[in-house]
Structure formats: C-alpha cells, structure tokens
C-alpha cells in the first residue's frame, strides 16, 4: 500500500494508492449525511410533501456521489494500467472494487429499506474502510500501537471505571431494592442506573 499522495483531492484507486486527505474527509462527510438523511426519513415531522422531496433530492445527490466515487476509482486504476482492455477485469473483480460495487448496489436498489440494518451496517463498514484506506491510516496505526504496546496502562482507566460503576450499582441495589423491585431488584437491573449516574446528573432524572 502506497502511503504518500501528491493530490489531496485524489479519488484513490483499486491498485494501492490512497485517496487524498481532503477527499477522505469529503467521503466521510457524505456518509454522515447519508445517516442523517436516513434518520430524518423516520421523523414524522419530515413526512410532508416538501420534506419528502427534500430528503429524496438529498438521497439522489448522495447516490450520485457514491456512483462517481466508484467510477472514478475504476477510471484511475485503469489509467494506471495504460487502459489495457485485457486487465480491466483485474480491476473490476479486485477485492475492494467488488466491496464498493456491493455498497453502491445496496444503496441504489430498493431491495432493502434505507433504515434497515443491512444498509446502515454496510455504510458504517464503508466509513471505517474509507478511514483505514486514507491518509489517516498512519494515525490509526499509531493508535493501534499505543493500545497493543502497553495494554495494561491503556485499559487501566476503563477497568477502574468498570469497577466504580459496579460498586455504584451494588450501592443503588442495596438502597433502592425495597422501594422498586422492578428497576432495582438486582445488581444487573441497577447497573443501567449506575451507568446513567456516572454519565449524567443522576438516575432520579431517568
């Protein structure tokens, strides 16, 4: 995999050259817009004629972007092979070209609803894949090194937080079990309210 890229708006290709930094940011921004569009289609306030038209138009633009992304990477890859007709199949059936084709196919067809687990899951995967195969790959590898080099130090705060959360759940269970068995009748049930207490004002507001 080639890390350096001279053009920060470069699409990327299926032969190893990474997309440019700005294009990677744009791609992830479009994916976030897609998730926002899907979320808004489930909002009753947007289920009006004007709301439906706006969301449909936004989806059409997003679909156009992903089609352009796929075709652009195919074109860049083919150009690197001097437009060899005999090697075009090598590009079309490469692993990442097939993955992108499936992602575009899932979005463009109406076989799955856009708010289904399949569509949202595939584009979450696309977001992670685009982050990995970008100029941010070095940052991700640095994070992986930090996590793997000293896992005991890295995960100590998480372990400590888990212990404190469990102790809080135990205390809530002891204090509240006689008042509300439905919500506090076990440590497991109290665990959710312990998490809420650790992250917000307190379980009394839930």
N, C-alpha and C. Protein backbone atom coordinates (compact mmCIF):
# COMPACT_ATOMS: atom_id res chain seq x y z
N UNK A 1 0.85 -1.19 0.00
CA UNK A 1 0.00 0.00 0.00
C UNK A 1 0.89 1.24 0.00
N UNK A 2 0.63 2.13 -0.94
CA UNK A 2 1.44 3.35 -1.04
C UNK A 2 0.83 4.43 -0.16
N UNK A 3 1.63 4.96 0.76
CA UNK A 3 1.12 5.96 1.70
C UNK A 3 1.11 7.37 1.13
N UNK A 4 2.20 7.82 0.49
CA UNK A 4 2.21 9.21 0.06
C UNK A 4 1.25 9.47 -1.08
N UNK A 5 0.66 10.62 -1.12
CA UNK A 5 -0.18 11.02 -2.23
C UNK A 5 0.09 12.50 -2.50
N UNK A 6 0.20 12.84 -3.78
CA UNK A 6 0.56 14.21 -4.15
C UNK A 6 -0.67 15.10 -4.23
N UNK A 7 -1.83 14.54 -4.56
CA UNK A 7 -3.05 15.32 -4.72
C UNK A 7 -3.98 15.03 -3.55
N UNK A 8 -4.27 16.05 -2.74
CA UNK A 8 -5.10 15.83 -1.56
C UNK A 8 -6.58 15.64 -1.90
N UNK A 9 -6.96 15.88 -3.18
CA UNK A 9 -8.33 15.62 -3.63
C UNK A 9 -8.40 14.36 -4.50
N UNK A 10 -7.34 13.57 -4.52
CA UNK A 10 -7.29 12.36 -5.36
C UNK A 10 -8.34 11.36 -4.89
N UNK A 11 -9.08 10.77 -5.86
CA UNK A 11 -10.13 9.80 -5.55
C UNK A 11 -9.60 8.55 -4.85
N UNK A 12 -8.36 8.18 -5.18
CA UNK A 12 -7.87 6.87 -4.81
C UNK A 12 -8.09 5.92 -5.97
N UNK A 13 -7.61 4.70 -5.85
CA UNK A 13 -7.82 3.69 -6.89
C UNK A 13 -7.85 2.33 -6.24
N UNK A 14 -7.98 1.29 -7.08
CA UNK A 14 -8.04 -0.07 -6.56
C UNK A 14 -6.71 -0.80 -6.74
N UNK A 15 -5.64 -0.04 -6.97
CA UNK A 15 -4.33 -0.63 -7.16
C UNK A 15 -3.36 -0.27 -6.04
N UNK A 16 -3.83 0.37 -5.00
CA UNK A 16 -2.98 0.60 -3.85
C UNK A 16 -2.74 2.04 -3.45
N UNK A 17 -3.01 3.01 -4.34
CA UNK A 17 -2.75 4.39 -3.97
C UNK A 17 -3.90 4.93 -3.13
N UNK A 18 -3.56 5.55 -2.02
CA UNK A 18 -4.57 6.03 -1.08
C UNK A 18 -5.26 7.30 -1.58
N UNK A 19 -6.53 7.51 -1.20
CA UNK A 19 -7.19 8.79 -1.52
C UNK A 19 -6.50 9.93 -0.79
N UNK A 20 -6.68 11.14 -1.33
CA UNK A 20 -6.12 12.32 -0.68
C UNK A 20 -6.83 12.64 0.62
N UNK A 21 -6.19 13.45 1.45
CA UNK A 21 -6.73 13.78 2.77
C UNK A 21 -8.08 14.47 2.67
N UNK A 22 -8.19 15.46 1.79
CA UNK A 22 -9.44 16.22 1.68
C UNK A 22 -10.56 15.36 1.11
N UNK A 23 -10.20 14.49 0.15
CA UNK A 23 -11.23 13.63 -0.43
C UNK A 23 -11.73 12.61 0.61
N UNK A 24 -10.82 12.12 1.45
CA UNK A 24 -11.22 11.20 2.52
C UNK A 24 -12.19 11.88 3.48
N UNK A 25 -11.91 13.14 3.82
CA UNK A 25 -12.82 13.90 4.69
C UNK A 25 -14.17 14.09 4.02
N UNK A 26 -14.17 14.40 2.72
CA UNK A 26 -15.42 14.58 1.98
C UNK A 26 -16.23 13.28 1.98
N UNK A 27 -15.56 12.16 1.75
CA UNK A 27 -16.24 10.87 1.71
C UNK A 27 -16.91 10.56 3.05
N UNK A 28 -16.20 10.78 4.14
CA UNK A 28 -16.79 10.53 5.46
C UNK A 28 -17.92 11.50 5.77
N UNK A 29 -17.80 12.75 5.29
CA UNK A 29 -18.87 13.73 5.47
C UNK A 29 -20.13 13.29 4.73
N UNK A 30 -19.97 12.76 3.52
CA UNK A 30 -21.12 12.28 2.75
C UNK A 30 -21.78 11.09 3.44
N UNK A 31 -20.97 10.21 4.02
CA UNK A 31 -21.53 9.07 4.75
C UNK A 31 -22.34 9.55 5.96
N UNK A 32 -21.82 10.56 6.67
CA UNK A 32 -22.56 11.15 7.80
C UNK A 32 -23.88 11.76 7.31
N UNK A 33 -23.84 12.44 6.15
CA UNK A 33 -25.07 13.00 5.56
C UNK A 33 -26.07 11.90 5.24
N UNK A 34 -25.57 10.76 4.74
CA UNK A 34 -26.46 9.64 4.44
C UNK A 34 -27.16 9.16 5.71
N UNK A 35 -26.40 9.00 6.80
CA UNK A 35 -27.00 8.57 8.06
C UNK A 35 -28.03 9.60 8.55
N UNK A 36 -27.72 10.89 8.38
CA UNK A 36 -28.66 11.94 8.78
C UNK A 36 -29.92 11.87 7.93
N UNK A 37 -29.76 11.65 6.62
CA UNK A 37 -30.90 11.55 5.72
C UNK A 37 -31.79 10.37 6.11
N UNK A 38 -31.16 9.24 6.41
CA UNK A 38 -31.92 8.05 6.82
C UNK A 38 -32.67 8.33 8.13
N UNK A 39 -31.99 8.99 9.08
CA UNK A 39 -32.63 9.29 10.37
C UNK A 39 -33.82 10.22 10.18
N UNK A 40 -33.68 11.23 9.31
CA UNK A 40 -34.76 12.20 9.11
C UNK A 40 -35.96 11.59 8.40
N UNK A 41 -35.74 10.54 7.58
CA UNK A 41 -36.87 9.89 6.91
C UNK A 41 -37.77 9.17 7.91
N UNK A 42 -37.25 8.86 9.09
CA UNK A 42 -38.07 8.20 10.12
C UNK A 42 -38.75 9.21 11.05
N UNK A 43 -38.45 10.50 10.87
CA UNK A 43 -39.03 11.55 11.71
C UNK A 43 -40.39 11.97 11.15
N UNK A 44 -41.48 11.83 11.93
CA UNK A 44 -42.82 12.18 11.43
C UNK A 44 -42.93 13.62 10.93
N UNK A 45 -42.21 14.56 11.52
CA UNK A 45 -42.30 15.96 11.10
C UNK A 45 -41.80 16.18 9.68
N UNK A 46 -40.99 15.25 9.15
CA UNK A 46 -40.48 15.38 7.79
C UNK A 46 -41.31 14.59 6.78
N UNK A 47 -42.37 13.93 7.24
CA UNK A 47 -43.19 13.13 6.35
C UNK A 47 -44.28 14.00 5.72
N UNK A 48 -43.85 15.11 5.15
CA UNK A 48 -44.73 16.00 4.39
C UNK A 48 -44.26 16.00 2.94
N UNK A 49 -45.02 16.66 2.08
CA UNK A 49 -44.65 16.68 0.67
C UNK A 49 -43.30 17.36 0.46
N UNK A 50 -43.11 18.54 1.07
CA UNK A 50 -41.85 19.27 0.91
C UNK A 50 -40.70 18.52 1.59
N UNK A 51 -40.98 17.94 2.76
CA UNK A 51 -39.94 17.19 3.47
C UNK A 51 -39.50 15.97 2.69
N UNK A 52 -40.47 15.25 2.12
CA UNK A 52 -40.14 14.06 1.33
C UNK A 52 -39.35 14.41 0.08
N UNK A 53 -39.73 15.53 -0.58
CA UNK A 53 -38.99 15.96 -1.78
C UNK A 53 -37.55 16.33 -1.43
N UNK A 54 -37.37 17.05 -0.32
CA UNK A 54 -36.03 17.46 0.10
C UNK A 54 -35.16 16.26 0.42
N UNK A 55 -35.72 15.31 1.16
CA UNK A 55 -34.95 14.12 1.54
C UNK A 55 -34.65 13.24 0.34
N UNK A 56 -35.60 13.14 -0.60
CA UNK A 56 -35.37 12.36 -1.81
C UNK A 56 -34.29 12.99 -2.67
N UNK A 57 -34.31 14.32 -2.77
CA UNK A 57 -33.28 15.04 -3.53
C UNK A 57 -31.90 14.84 -2.89
N UNK A 58 -31.85 14.92 -1.56
CA UNK A 58 -30.58 14.71 -0.85
C UNK A 58 -30.06 13.30 -1.09
N UNK A 59 -30.96 12.31 -1.06
CA UNK A 59 -30.55 10.92 -1.30
C UNK A 59 -30.04 10.74 -2.72
N UNK A 60 -30.68 11.40 -3.69
CA UNK A 60 -30.22 11.30 -5.07
C UNK A 60 -28.81 11.86 -5.23
N UNK A 61 -28.52 12.98 -4.56
CA UNK A 61 -27.17 13.56 -4.61
C UNK A 61 -26.15 12.62 -3.96
N UNK A 62 -26.53 12.02 -2.85
CA UNK A 62 -25.63 11.09 -2.15
C UNK A 62 -25.35 9.87 -3.03
N UNK A 63 -26.41 9.34 -3.66
CA UNK A 63 -26.23 8.20 -4.57
C UNK A 63 -25.31 8.57 -5.73
N UNK A 64 -25.50 9.77 -6.27
CA UNK A 64 -24.65 10.24 -7.37
C UNK A 64 -23.19 10.32 -6.94
N UNK A 65 -22.95 10.77 -5.71
CA UNK A 65 -21.57 10.85 -5.21
C UNK A 65 -20.94 9.46 -5.15
N UNK A 66 -21.66 8.48 -4.61
CA UNK A 66 -21.09 7.14 -4.48
C UNK A 66 -20.87 6.47 -5.83
N UNK A 67 -21.76 6.74 -6.79
CA UNK A 67 -21.54 6.23 -8.15
C UNK A 67 -20.29 6.85 -8.74
N UNK A 68 -20.13 8.17 -8.57
CA UNK A 68 -18.94 8.87 -9.08
C UNK A 68 -17.68 8.37 -8.40
N UNK A 69 -17.76 8.10 -7.10
CA UNK A 69 -16.60 7.59 -6.36
C UNK A 69 -16.16 6.25 -6.93
N UNK A 70 -17.12 5.36 -7.17
CA UNK A 70 -16.82 4.03 -7.71
C UNK A 70 -16.24 4.12 -9.11
N UNK A 71 -16.90 4.90 -9.99
CA UNK A 71 -16.44 5.04 -11.37
C UNK A 71 -15.08 5.74 -11.42
N UNK A 72 -14.90 6.75 -10.56
CA UNK A 72 -13.63 7.47 -10.53
C UNK A 72 -12.47 6.59 -10.14
N UNK A 73 -12.68 5.70 -9.17
CA UNK A 73 -11.61 4.79 -8.77
C UNK A 73 -11.32 3.75 -9.85
N UNK A 74 -12.38 3.30 -10.52
CA UNK A 74 -12.17 2.38 -11.66
C UNK A 74 -11.35 3.08 -12.74
N UNK A 75 -11.71 4.34 -13.05
CA UNK A 75 -11.01 5.09 -14.10
C UNK A 75 -9.55 5.33 -13.72
N UNK A 76 -9.30 5.71 -12.48
CA UNK A 76 -7.92 5.93 -12.03
C UNK A 76 -7.09 4.65 -12.10
N UNK A 77 -7.70 3.54 -11.71
CA UNK A 77 -6.99 2.26 -11.76
C UNK A 77 -6.68 1.86 -13.19
N UNK A 78 -7.67 2.04 -14.06
CA UNK A 78 -7.48 1.67 -15.47
C UNK A 78 -6.41 2.54 -16.11
N UNK A 79 -6.38 3.83 -15.75
CA UNK A 79 -5.36 4.74 -16.29
C UNK A 79 -3.96 4.29 -15.88
N UNK A 80 -3.82 3.79 -14.65
CA UNK A 80 -2.51 3.33 -14.18
C UNK A 80 -2.06 2.08 -14.92
N UNK A 81 -3.01 1.37 -15.54
CA UNK A 81 -2.67 0.19 -16.34
C UNK A 81 -2.66 0.51 -17.82
N UNK A 82 -2.54 1.83 -18.15
CA UNK A 82 -2.47 2.29 -19.55
C UNK A 82 -3.69 1.85 -20.36
N UNK A 83 -4.86 1.82 -19.73
CA UNK A 83 -6.13 1.49 -20.39
C UNK A 83 -6.07 0.15 -21.13
N UNK A 84 -5.43 -0.81 -20.50
CA UNK A 84 -5.32 -2.14 -21.10
C UNK A 84 -6.66 -2.87 -20.99
N UNK A 85 -7.25 -3.22 -22.15
CA UNK A 85 -8.54 -3.90 -22.16
C UNK A 85 -8.45 -5.27 -21.50
N UNK A 86 -7.31 -5.91 -21.63
CA UNK A 86 -7.16 -7.25 -21.07
C UNK A 86 -7.08 -7.25 -19.55
N UNK A 87 -6.79 -6.06 -18.96
CA UNK A 87 -6.61 -6.00 -17.50
C UNK A 87 -7.75 -5.26 -16.78
N UNK A 88 -8.77 -4.83 -17.55
CA UNK A 88 -9.90 -4.14 -16.93
C UNK A 88 -10.64 -5.06 -15.95
N UNK A 89 -10.67 -6.37 -16.29
CA UNK A 89 -11.35 -7.32 -15.42
C UNK A 89 -10.60 -7.50 -14.10
N UNK A 90 -9.29 -7.33 -14.18
CA UNK A 90 -8.48 -7.39 -12.96
C UNK A 90 -8.90 -6.31 -11.97
N UNK A 91 -9.28 -5.14 -12.50
CA UNK A 91 -9.72 -4.03 -11.65
C UNK A 91 -11.14 -4.28 -11.14
N UNK A 92 -12.05 -4.63 -12.07
CA UNK A 92 -13.46 -4.78 -11.72
C UNK A 92 -13.69 -5.87 -10.68
N UNK A 93 -12.86 -6.91 -10.72
CA UNK A 93 -13.04 -8.03 -9.80
C UNK A 93 -12.01 -8.04 -8.68
N UNK A 94 -11.34 -6.91 -8.48
CA UNK A 94 -10.45 -6.80 -7.32
C UNK A 94 -11.30 -6.71 -6.05
N UNK A 95 -10.71 -7.06 -4.93
CA UNK A 95 -11.47 -7.18 -3.68
C UNK A 95 -12.21 -5.89 -3.32
N UNK A 96 -11.50 -4.78 -3.34
CA UNK A 96 -12.12 -3.53 -2.87
C UNK A 96 -13.07 -2.93 -3.91
N UNK A 97 -12.84 -3.22 -5.19
CA UNK A 97 -13.80 -2.79 -6.21
C UNK A 97 -15.12 -3.53 -6.04
N UNK A 98 -15.05 -4.81 -5.73
CA UNK A 98 -16.27 -5.59 -5.51
C UNK A 98 -17.01 -5.11 -4.26
N UNK A 99 -16.26 -4.77 -3.21
CA UNK A 99 -16.89 -4.25 -1.99
C UNK A 99 -17.62 -2.95 -2.28
N UNK A 100 -16.97 -2.03 -3.01
CA UNK A 100 -17.62 -0.76 -3.35
C UNK A 100 -18.83 -0.98 -4.24
N UNK A 101 -18.74 -1.94 -5.17
CA UNK A 101 -19.87 -2.23 -6.05
C UNK A 101 -21.07 -2.71 -5.23
N UNK A 102 -20.83 -3.59 -4.26
CA UNK A 102 -21.91 -4.10 -3.41
C UNK A 102 -22.53 -2.96 -2.60
N UNK A 103 -21.69 -2.06 -2.08
CA UNK A 103 -22.19 -0.92 -1.30
C UNK A 103 -23.09 -0.02 -2.14
N UNK A 104 -22.66 0.27 -3.37
CA UNK A 104 -23.46 1.11 -4.27
C UNK A 104 -24.75 0.38 -4.65
N UNK A 105 -24.64 -0.92 -4.91
CA UNK A 105 -25.81 -1.72 -5.29
C UNK A 105 -26.86 -1.72 -4.18
N UNK A 106 -26.41 -1.90 -2.93
CA UNK A 106 -27.32 -1.92 -1.78
C UNK A 106 -28.06 -0.59 -1.65
N UNK A 107 -27.34 0.52 -1.88
CA UNK A 107 -27.97 1.84 -1.74
C UNK A 107 -28.93 2.14 -2.88
N UNK A 108 -28.56 1.76 -4.11
CA UNK A 108 -29.35 2.14 -5.28
C UNK A 108 -30.61 1.30 -5.45
N UNK A 109 -30.56 0.04 -5.03
CA UNK A 109 -31.74 -0.81 -5.19
C UNK A 109 -32.69 -0.59 -4.02
N UNK A 110 -33.94 -0.95 -4.23
CA UNK A 110 -34.96 -0.82 -3.18
C UNK A 110 -35.22 -2.16 -2.49
N UNK A 111 -34.27 -3.10 -2.64
CA UNK A 111 -34.47 -4.42 -2.04
C UNK A 111 -34.50 -4.32 -0.51
N UNK A 112 -33.62 -3.45 0.03
CA UNK A 112 -33.60 -3.20 1.48
C UNK A 112 -34.02 -1.76 1.73
N UNK A 113 -34.80 -1.53 2.79
CA UNK A 113 -35.13 -0.16 3.18
C UNK A 113 -33.86 0.55 3.63
N UNK A 114 -33.81 1.86 3.38
CA UNK A 114 -32.61 2.61 3.76
C UNK A 114 -32.37 2.65 5.26
N UNK A 115 -33.45 2.49 6.05
CA UNK A 115 -33.26 2.48 7.51
C UNK A 115 -33.10 1.07 8.06
N UNK A 116 -32.82 0.10 7.16
CA UNK A 116 -32.63 -1.28 7.61
C UNK A 116 -31.22 -1.48 8.13
N UNK A 117 -31.05 -2.55 8.89
CA UNK A 117 -29.73 -2.87 9.45
C UNK A 117 -28.72 -3.11 8.33
N UNK A 118 -29.17 -3.71 7.22
CA UNK A 118 -28.25 -4.04 6.12
C UNK A 118 -27.64 -2.77 5.53
N UNK A 119 -28.48 -1.79 5.18
CA UNK A 119 -27.98 -0.57 4.55
C UNK A 119 -27.11 0.23 5.52
N UNK A 120 -27.60 0.45 6.73
CA UNK A 120 -26.82 1.23 7.70
C UNK A 120 -25.52 0.51 8.05
N UNK A 121 -25.60 -0.82 8.21
CA UNK A 121 -24.40 -1.59 8.54
C UNK A 121 -23.36 -1.54 7.44
N UNK A 122 -23.79 -1.64 6.17
CA UNK A 122 -22.83 -1.60 5.07
C UNK A 122 -22.14 -0.25 4.97
N UNK A 123 -22.85 0.82 5.26
CA UNK A 123 -22.23 2.14 5.15
C UNK A 123 -21.42 2.51 6.39
N UNK A 124 -21.71 1.90 7.53
CA UNK A 124 -20.79 2.03 8.67
C UNK A 124 -19.48 1.34 8.31
N UNK A 125 -19.59 0.16 7.69
CA UNK A 125 -18.39 -0.55 7.22
C UNK A 125 -17.63 0.29 6.20
N UNK A 126 -18.38 0.94 5.29
CA UNK A 126 -17.76 1.81 4.28
C UNK A 126 -17.02 2.97 4.95
N UNK A 127 -17.60 3.53 6.01
CA UNK A 127 -16.95 4.64 6.71
C UNK A 127 -15.63 4.19 7.32
N UNK A 128 -15.65 3.01 7.99
CA UNK A 128 -14.42 2.51 8.59
C UNK A 128 -13.39 2.17 7.51
N UNK A 129 -13.86 1.59 6.41
CA UNK A 129 -12.94 1.23 5.33
C UNK A 129 -12.31 2.46 4.71
N UNK A 130 -13.11 3.52 4.51
CA UNK A 130 -12.57 4.74 3.91
C UNK A 130 -11.59 5.43 4.84
N UNK A 131 -11.83 5.32 6.17
CA UNK A 131 -10.87 5.91 7.12
C UNK A 131 -9.55 5.14 7.11
N UNK A 132 -9.66 3.80 6.99
CA UNK A 132 -8.44 2.99 7.01
C UNK A 132 -7.63 3.20 5.73
N UNK A 133 -8.32 3.18 4.58
CA UNK A 133 -7.62 3.35 3.31
C UNK A 133 -7.59 4.82 2.93
N UNK A 134 -6.96 5.61 3.77
CA UNK A 134 -6.81 7.04 3.53
C UNK A 134 -5.51 7.49 4.16
N UNK A 135 -5.24 8.78 4.05
CA UNK A 135 -4.01 9.31 4.64
C UNK A 135 -4.05 9.27 6.16
N UNK A 136 -5.23 8.95 6.74
CA UNK A 136 -5.34 8.84 8.20
C UNK A 136 -4.92 7.46 8.69
N UNK A 137 -4.51 6.59 7.77
CA UNK A 137 -4.12 5.24 8.15
C UNK A 137 -2.98 5.24 9.15
N UNK A 138 -2.05 6.19 8.98
CA UNK A 138 -0.91 6.26 9.89
C UNK A 138 -1.36 6.61 11.31
N UNK A 139 -2.39 7.47 11.42
CA UNK A 139 -2.92 7.82 12.75
C UNK A 139 -3.54 6.59 13.40
N UNK A 140 -4.32 5.82 12.62
CA UNK A 140 -4.96 4.63 13.15
C UNK A 140 -3.93 3.59 13.58
N UNK A 141 -2.85 3.47 12.80
CA UNK A 141 -1.81 2.52 13.17
C UNK A 141 -1.07 2.97 14.42
N UNK A 142 -0.95 4.28 14.58
CA UNK A 142 -0.32 4.80 15.79
C UNK A 142 -1.18 4.49 17.02
N UNK A 143 -2.50 4.66 16.88
CA UNK A 143 -3.41 4.33 17.98
C UNK A 143 -3.33 2.83 18.29
N UNK A 144 -3.30 2.00 17.23
CA UNK A 144 -3.19 0.55 17.43
C UNK A 144 -1.91 0.19 18.17
N UNK A 145 -0.82 0.89 17.83
CA UNK A 145 0.46 0.64 18.51
C UNK A 145 0.38 0.99 19.99
N UNK A 146 -0.24 2.15 20.29
CA UNK A 146 -0.36 2.58 21.68
C UNK A 146 -1.18 1.57 22.48
N UNK A 147 -2.28 1.08 21.87
CA UNK A 147 -3.15 0.13 22.56
C UNK A 147 -2.44 -1.20 22.78
N UNK A 148 -1.72 -1.69 21.75
CA UNK A 148 -1.11 -3.01 21.83
C UNK A 148 0.22 -3.01 22.58
N UNK A 149 0.91 -1.86 22.60
CA UNK A 149 2.24 -1.82 23.21
C UNK A 149 2.16 -1.94 24.74
N UNK A 150 1.23 -1.24 25.35
CA UNK A 150 1.08 -1.29 26.82
C UNK A 150 -0.39 -1.41 27.18
N UNK A 151 -1.00 -2.57 26.90
CA UNK A 151 -2.44 -2.70 27.14
C UNK A 151 -2.83 -2.51 28.61
N UNK A 152 -1.94 -2.90 29.53
CA UNK A 152 -2.28 -2.76 30.95
C UNK A 152 -2.47 -1.30 31.32
N UNK A 153 -1.59 -0.43 30.81
CA UNK A 153 -1.71 1.01 31.10
C UNK A 153 -2.86 1.63 30.31
N UNK A 154 -3.04 1.15 29.06
CA UNK A 154 -4.08 1.73 28.21
C UNK A 154 -5.47 1.47 28.76
N UNK A 155 -5.71 0.24 29.22
CA UNK A 155 -7.05 -0.14 29.64
C UNK A 155 -7.30 0.02 31.13
N UNK A 156 -6.28 0.47 31.88
CA UNK A 156 -6.47 0.66 33.32
C UNK A 156 -7.61 1.63 33.65
N UNK A 157 -7.71 2.80 32.96
CA UNK A 157 -8.85 3.70 33.26
C UNK A 157 -10.20 3.06 33.00
N UNK A 158 -10.30 2.22 31.94
CA UNK A 158 -11.57 1.55 31.65
C UNK A 158 -11.90 0.53 32.72
N UNK A 159 -10.87 -0.20 33.16
CA UNK A 159 -11.09 -1.19 34.22
C UNK A 159 -11.52 -0.50 35.51
N UNK A 160 -10.85 0.61 35.83
CA UNK A 160 -11.20 1.36 37.04
C UNK A 160 -12.63 1.89 36.96
N UNK A 161 -13.00 2.42 35.78
CA UNK A 161 -14.37 2.93 35.60
C UNK A 161 -15.39 1.81 35.74
N UNK A 162 -15.07 0.63 35.21
CA UNK A 162 -15.98 -0.52 35.32
C UNK A 162 -16.18 -0.92 36.78
N UNK A 163 -15.09 -0.92 37.54
CA UNK A 163 -15.19 -1.27 38.96
C UNK A 163 -16.03 -0.26 39.73
N UNK A 164 -15.81 1.03 39.45
CA UNK A 164 -16.58 2.07 40.13
C UNK A 164 -18.06 1.96 39.76
N UNK A 165 -18.34 1.68 38.48
CA UNK A 165 -19.72 1.52 38.02
C UNK A 165 -20.39 0.35 38.72
N UNK A 166 -19.65 -0.75 38.86
CA UNK A 166 -20.21 -1.93 39.54
C UNK A 166 -20.49 -1.63 41.01
N UNK A 167 -19.56 -0.96 41.67
CA UNK A 167 -19.76 -0.60 43.08
C UNK A 167 -20.98 0.31 43.23
N UNK A 168 -21.14 1.25 42.29
CA UNK A 168 -22.31 2.14 42.31
C UNK A 168 -23.60 1.34 42.14
N UNK A 169 -23.57 0.35 41.22
CA UNK A 169 -24.75 -0.49 41.00
C UNK A 169 -25.09 -1.27 42.27
N UNK A 170 -24.07 -1.76 42.94
CA UNK A 170 -24.27 -2.51 44.19
C UNK A 170 -24.90 -1.62 45.26
N UNK A 171 -24.40 -0.39 45.36
CA UNK A 171 -24.93 0.56 46.36
C UNK A 171 -26.38 0.93 46.05
N UNK A 172 -26.66 1.18 44.76
CA UNK A 172 -28.04 1.51 44.36
C UNK A 172 -28.97 0.35 44.67
N UNK A 173 -28.49 -0.87 44.40
CA UNK A 173 -29.28 -2.07 44.69
C UNK A 173 -29.63 -2.17 46.17
N UNK A 174 -28.64 -1.94 47.03
CA UNK A 174 -28.87 -2.02 48.48
C UNK A 174 -29.84 -0.94 48.96
N UNK A 175 -29.72 0.26 48.39
CA UNK A 175 -30.53 1.39 48.85
C UNK A 175 -31.95 1.36 48.31
N UNK A 176 -32.14 0.84 47.09
CA UNK A 176 -33.42 1.01 46.40
C UNK A 176 -34.23 -0.28 46.23
N UNK A 177 -33.66 -1.43 46.54
CA UNK A 177 -34.36 -2.69 46.23
C UNK A 177 -35.69 -2.81 46.96
N UNK A 178 -35.78 -2.26 48.15
CA UNK A 178 -37.04 -2.35 48.90
C UNK A 178 -38.08 -1.36 48.40
N UNK A 179 -37.67 -0.37 47.62
CA UNK A 179 -38.60 0.65 47.12
C UNK A 179 -39.13 0.33 45.72
N UNK A 180 -38.29 -0.28 44.88
CA UNK A 180 -38.69 -0.52 43.49
C UNK A 180 -38.00 -1.78 42.97
N UNK A 181 -38.64 -2.92 43.19
CA UNK A 181 -38.04 -4.19 42.76
C UNK A 181 -37.94 -4.30 41.24
N UNK A 182 -38.88 -3.65 40.54
CA UNK A 182 -38.89 -3.76 39.08
C UNK A 182 -37.61 -3.20 38.48
N UNK A 183 -37.13 -2.08 38.99
CA UNK A 183 -35.94 -1.43 38.43
C UNK A 183 -34.66 -1.71 39.21
N UNK A 184 -34.79 -2.01 40.49
CA UNK A 184 -33.59 -2.15 41.33
C UNK A 184 -33.55 -3.48 42.07
N UNK A 185 -34.29 -4.48 41.58
CA UNK A 185 -34.38 -5.76 42.27
C UNK A 185 -33.16 -6.64 42.16
N UNK A 186 -32.17 -6.24 41.38
CA UNK A 186 -30.92 -6.99 41.26
C UNK A 186 -29.80 -6.03 40.90
N UNK A 187 -28.57 -6.51 41.06
CA UNK A 187 -27.42 -5.67 40.68
C UNK A 187 -27.42 -5.44 39.17
N UNK A 188 -27.85 -6.47 38.42
CA UNK A 188 -27.90 -6.34 36.96
C UNK A 188 -28.85 -5.22 36.56
N UNK A 189 -30.03 -5.18 37.17
CA UNK A 189 -31.00 -4.12 36.86
C UNK A 189 -30.50 -2.75 37.29
N UNK A 190 -29.78 -2.73 38.39
CA UNK A 190 -29.26 -1.45 38.90
C UNK A 190 -28.09 -0.94 38.08
N UNK A 191 -27.50 -1.83 37.26
CA UNK A 191 -26.29 -1.45 36.52
C UNK A 191 -26.57 -0.32 35.54
N UNK A 192 -27.72 -0.37 34.86
CA UNK A 192 -28.06 0.69 33.91
C UNK A 192 -28.14 2.04 34.61
N UNK A 193 -28.78 2.08 35.77
CA UNK A 193 -28.93 3.34 36.50
C UNK A 193 -27.59 3.80 37.07
N UNK A 194 -26.70 2.85 37.33
CA UNK A 194 -25.35 3.21 37.76
C UNK A 194 -24.61 3.91 36.63
N UNK A 195 -24.75 3.38 35.41
CA UNK A 195 -24.10 4.00 34.25
C UNK A 195 -24.65 5.40 34.02
N UNK A 196 -25.99 5.54 34.14
CA UNK A 196 -26.63 6.85 33.97
C UNK A 196 -26.11 7.83 35.02
N UNK A 197 -25.98 7.35 36.26
CA UNK A 197 -25.50 8.20 37.35
C UNK A 197 -24.06 8.65 37.10
N UNK A 198 -23.25 7.77 36.52
CA UNK A 198 -21.84 8.10 36.26
C UNK A 198 -21.69 9.09 35.11
N UNK A 199 -22.66 9.11 34.20
CA UNK A 199 -22.51 9.92 32.99
C UNK A 199 -23.40 11.14 32.94
N UNK A 200 -24.46 11.19 33.78
CA UNK A 200 -25.37 12.35 33.76
C UNK A 200 -25.58 12.84 35.19
N UNK A 201 -26.68 13.56 35.41
CA UNK A 201 -26.94 14.15 36.72
C UNK A 201 -27.23 13.08 37.77
N UNK A 202 -28.04 12.08 37.39
CA UNK A 202 -28.38 11.04 38.36
C UNK A 202 -29.55 10.22 37.88
N UNK A 203 -29.71 9.02 38.47
CA UNK A 203 -30.75 8.13 37.99
C UNK A 203 -32.14 8.60 38.37
N UNK A 204 -32.25 9.55 39.29
CA UNK A 204 -33.56 10.08 39.67
C UNK A 204 -34.23 10.85 38.55
N UNK A 205 -33.43 11.31 37.56
CA UNK A 205 -33.99 12.06 36.43
C UNK A 205 -34.44 11.17 35.29
N UNK A 206 -34.15 9.86 35.38
CA UNK A 206 -34.47 8.96 34.27
C UNK A 206 -35.95 8.60 34.32
